[in-house]
Amino acid sequence: MPEFVRSVVVQAPIETVFAFHEREDALPLLTPAFPPVKVVSRSGPLAVGLRVVLRLAGLVTWVAEHPVVE
């Protein structure tokens, strides 16, 4: 399965950044308006094994799984 890895340095306390990413609305806040991305389902809170099913532009289904949470 293809893997996408991306790193970004954020100038904020780690607890603040992690808490933001745990929010249910984090993904919509982080994604651009186009193409539209809709969260179809989410298997639970941010943790190893979390699966999120996304729908991009109403055409493509994307399943994201978190294999590692550091």
N, C-alpha and C. Protein backbone atom coordinates (compact mmCIF):
# COMPACT_ATOMS: atom_id res chain seq x y z
N MET A 1 0.85 -1.17 0.00
CA MET A 1 0.00 0.00 0.00
C MET A 1 0.90 1.24 0.00
N PRO A 2 0.59 2.24 -0.80
CA PRO A 2 1.38 3.47 -0.81
C PRO A 2 1.32 4.16 0.54
N GLU A 3 2.41 4.82 0.89
CA GLU A 3 2.48 5.52 2.16
C GLU A 3 2.87 6.96 1.91
N PHE A 4 2.16 7.89 2.55
CA PHE A 4 2.46 9.31 2.45
C PHE A 4 2.96 9.77 3.80
N VAL A 5 4.16 10.34 3.85
CA VAL A 5 4.74 10.83 5.09
C VAL A 5 5.07 12.30 4.90
N ARG A 6 4.65 13.11 5.87
CA ARG A 6 4.90 14.55 5.78
C ARG A 6 5.25 15.07 7.17
N SER A 7 6.23 15.93 7.28
CA SER A 7 6.62 16.53 8.55
C SER A 7 6.56 18.05 8.43
N VAL A 8 6.11 18.68 9.50
CA VAL A 8 6.05 20.14 9.58
C VAL A 8 6.46 20.55 10.99
N VAL A 9 7.28 21.59 11.10
CA VAL A 9 7.66 22.11 12.41
C VAL A 9 6.67 23.21 12.79
N VAL A 10 6.04 23.06 13.95
CA VAL A 10 5.07 24.03 14.44
C VAL A 10 5.64 24.65 15.71
N GLN A 11 5.68 25.96 15.75
CA GLN A 11 6.23 26.67 16.91
C GLN A 11 5.15 26.82 17.99
N ALA A 12 4.87 25.73 18.69
CA ALA A 12 3.88 25.72 19.77
C ALA A 12 4.18 24.54 20.68
N PRO A 13 3.69 24.57 21.91
CA PRO A 13 3.91 23.44 22.81
C PRO A 13 3.29 22.17 22.24
N ILE A 14 3.97 21.05 22.41
CA ILE A 14 3.53 19.77 21.85
C ILE A 14 2.12 19.41 22.34
N GLU A 15 1.80 19.72 23.59
CA GLU A 15 0.47 19.41 24.12
C GLU A 15 -0.62 20.17 23.37
N THR A 16 -0.35 21.40 23.01
CA THR A 16 -1.31 22.22 22.27
C THR A 16 -1.53 21.67 20.86
N VAL A 17 -0.43 21.32 20.20
CA VAL A 17 -0.51 20.79 18.84
C VAL A 17 -1.22 19.44 18.82
N PHE A 18 -0.87 18.56 19.75
CA PHE A 18 -1.51 17.24 19.80
C PHE A 18 -3.00 17.39 20.09
N ALA A 19 -3.36 18.27 21.02
CA ALA A 19 -4.77 18.49 21.36
C ALA A 19 -5.54 18.99 20.13
N PHE A 20 -4.92 19.85 19.32
CA PHE A 20 -5.60 20.32 18.11
C PHE A 20 -5.88 19.15 17.17
N HIS A 21 -4.89 18.28 16.97
CA HIS A 21 -5.06 17.16 16.04
C HIS A 21 -6.05 16.11 16.55
N GLU A 22 -6.33 16.11 17.84
CA GLU A 22 -7.33 15.20 18.40
C GLU A 22 -8.76 15.68 18.14
N ARG A 23 -8.93 16.94 17.79
CA ARG A 23 -10.26 17.50 17.58
C ARG A 23 -10.93 16.86 16.36
N GLU A 24 -12.23 16.65 16.46
CA GLU A 24 -12.99 16.05 15.34
C GLU A 24 -12.96 16.96 14.11
N ASP A 25 -12.84 18.27 14.30
CA ASP A 25 -12.88 19.21 13.18
C ASP A 25 -11.48 19.61 12.70
N ALA A 26 -10.43 18.92 13.15
CA ALA A 26 -9.06 19.28 12.76
C ALA A 26 -8.84 19.14 11.26
N LEU A 27 -9.26 18.03 10.68
CA LEU A 27 -9.01 17.82 9.25
C LEU A 27 -9.68 18.88 8.38
N PRO A 28 -10.96 19.17 8.59
CA PRO A 28 -11.56 20.24 7.77
C PRO A 28 -10.86 21.59 7.94
N LEU A 29 -10.34 21.86 9.13
CA LEU A 29 -9.62 23.12 9.35
C LEU A 29 -8.27 23.14 8.65
N LEU A 30 -7.67 21.97 8.43
CA LEU A 30 -6.35 21.89 7.82
C LEU A 30 -6.37 21.76 6.30
N THR A 31 -7.49 21.35 5.73
CA THR A 31 -7.54 21.11 4.28
C THR A 31 -8.03 22.35 3.54
N PRO A 32 -7.52 22.57 2.33
CA PRO A 32 -8.00 23.69 1.53
C PRO A 32 -9.45 23.45 1.10
N ALA A 33 -10.11 24.52 0.68
CA ALA A 33 -11.52 24.44 0.29
C ALA A 33 -11.72 23.61 -0.98
N PHE A 34 -10.69 23.55 -1.83
CA PHE A 34 -10.84 22.79 -3.07
C PHE A 34 -9.67 21.84 -3.22
N PRO A 35 -9.87 20.61 -3.52
CA PRO A 35 -11.18 19.97 -3.67
C PRO A 35 -11.81 19.74 -2.31
N PRO A 36 -13.14 19.76 -2.25
CA PRO A 36 -13.79 19.54 -0.96
C PRO A 36 -13.51 18.14 -0.41
N VAL A 37 -13.26 18.08 0.91
CA VAL A 37 -12.98 16.82 1.59
C VAL A 37 -14.02 16.64 2.69
N LYS A 38 -14.66 15.49 2.71
CA LYS A 38 -15.66 15.20 3.73
C LYS A 38 -15.23 13.97 4.51
N VAL A 39 -15.32 14.05 5.85
CA VAL A 39 -15.04 12.89 6.68
C VAL A 39 -16.29 12.02 6.67
N VAL A 40 -16.18 10.82 6.10
CA VAL A 40 -17.31 9.89 6.02
C VAL A 40 -17.45 9.12 7.32
N SER A 41 -16.32 8.63 7.85
CA SER A 41 -16.35 7.91 9.13
C SER A 41 -14.99 8.00 9.79
N ARG A 42 -15.02 7.80 11.10
CA ARG A 42 -13.81 7.86 11.92
C ARG A 42 -13.97 6.78 12.98
N SER A 43 -12.95 5.91 13.12
CA SER A 43 -13.09 4.75 14.01
C SER A 43 -12.90 5.07 15.48
N GLY A 44 -12.50 6.28 15.82
CA GLY A 44 -12.32 6.62 17.23
C GLY A 44 -11.42 7.82 17.39
N PRO A 45 -10.86 7.99 18.60
CA PRO A 45 -9.96 9.12 18.85
C PRO A 45 -8.59 8.91 18.21
N LEU A 46 -7.81 9.97 18.16
CA LEU A 46 -6.46 9.90 17.59
C LEU A 46 -5.63 8.91 18.39
N ALA A 47 -5.29 7.80 17.76
CA ALA A 47 -4.50 6.74 18.39
C ALA A 47 -4.00 5.81 17.30
N VAL A 48 -3.04 4.95 17.65
CA VAL A 48 -2.56 3.96 16.70
C VAL A 48 -3.74 3.11 16.25
N GLY A 49 -3.87 2.92 14.95
CA GLY A 49 -4.96 2.12 14.39
C GLY A 49 -6.18 2.93 13.99
N LEU A 50 -6.21 4.23 14.31
CA LEU A 50 -7.33 5.06 13.89
C LEU A 50 -7.49 5.00 12.38
N ARG A 51 -8.70 4.76 11.93
CA ARG A 51 -9.00 4.76 10.49
C ARG A 51 -10.02 5.86 10.22
N VAL A 52 -9.71 6.68 9.23
CA VAL A 52 -10.61 7.75 8.81
C VAL A 52 -10.91 7.54 7.34
N VAL A 53 -12.19 7.51 6.99
CA VAL A 53 -12.60 7.38 5.60
C VAL A 53 -13.01 8.78 5.13
N LEU A 54 -12.37 9.22 4.04
CA LEU A 54 -12.61 10.55 3.49
C LEU A 54 -13.20 10.43 2.09
N ARG A 55 -13.95 11.44 1.71
CA ARG A 55 -14.48 11.51 0.35
C ARG A 55 -13.98 12.82 -0.24
N LEU A 56 -13.20 12.72 -1.33
CA LEU A 56 -12.62 13.90 -1.97
C LEU A 56 -13.43 14.28 -3.20
N ALA A 57 -13.88 15.50 -3.22
CA ALA A 57 -14.62 16.06 -4.36
C ALA A 57 -15.82 15.20 -4.74
N GLY A 58 -16.32 14.40 -3.81
CA GLY A 58 -17.47 13.55 -4.10
C GLY A 58 -17.16 12.41 -5.05
N LEU A 59 -15.88 12.21 -5.40
CA LEU A 59 -15.51 11.22 -6.40
C LEU A 59 -14.58 10.13 -5.90
N VAL A 60 -13.68 10.48 -5.02
CA VAL A 60 -12.63 9.56 -4.60
C VAL A 60 -12.78 9.25 -3.11
N THR A 61 -12.70 7.98 -2.75
CA THR A 61 -12.71 7.59 -1.35
C THR A 61 -11.27 7.30 -0.93
N TRP A 62 -10.89 7.88 0.19
CA TRP A 62 -9.54 7.75 0.70
C TRP A 62 -9.64 7.23 2.13
N VAL A 63 -8.96 6.12 2.42
CA VAL A 63 -8.93 5.56 3.77
C VAL A 63 -7.56 5.85 4.36
N ALA A 64 -7.54 6.61 5.45
CA ALA A 64 -6.30 6.95 6.13
C ALA A 64 -6.22 6.19 7.43
N GLU A 65 -5.09 5.52 7.66
CA GLU A 65 -4.89 4.79 8.90
C GLU A 65 -3.64 5.33 9.58
N HIS A 66 -3.73 5.52 10.88
CA HIS A 66 -2.60 6.04 11.66
C HIS A 66 -1.83 4.86 12.24
N PRO A 67 -0.72 4.44 11.60
CA PRO A 67 0.05 3.32 12.11
C PRO A 67 0.92 3.70 13.31
N VAL A 68 1.22 4.99 13.44
CA VAL A 68 2.08 5.48 14.53
C VAL A 68 1.51 6.81 15.00
N VAL A 69 1.50 7.02 16.30
CA VAL A 69 1.16 8.31 16.87
C VAL A 69 2.24 8.63 17.88
N GLU A 70 3.00 9.68 17.59
CA GLU A 70 4.11 10.04 18.50
C GLU A 70 3.80 11.35 19.17
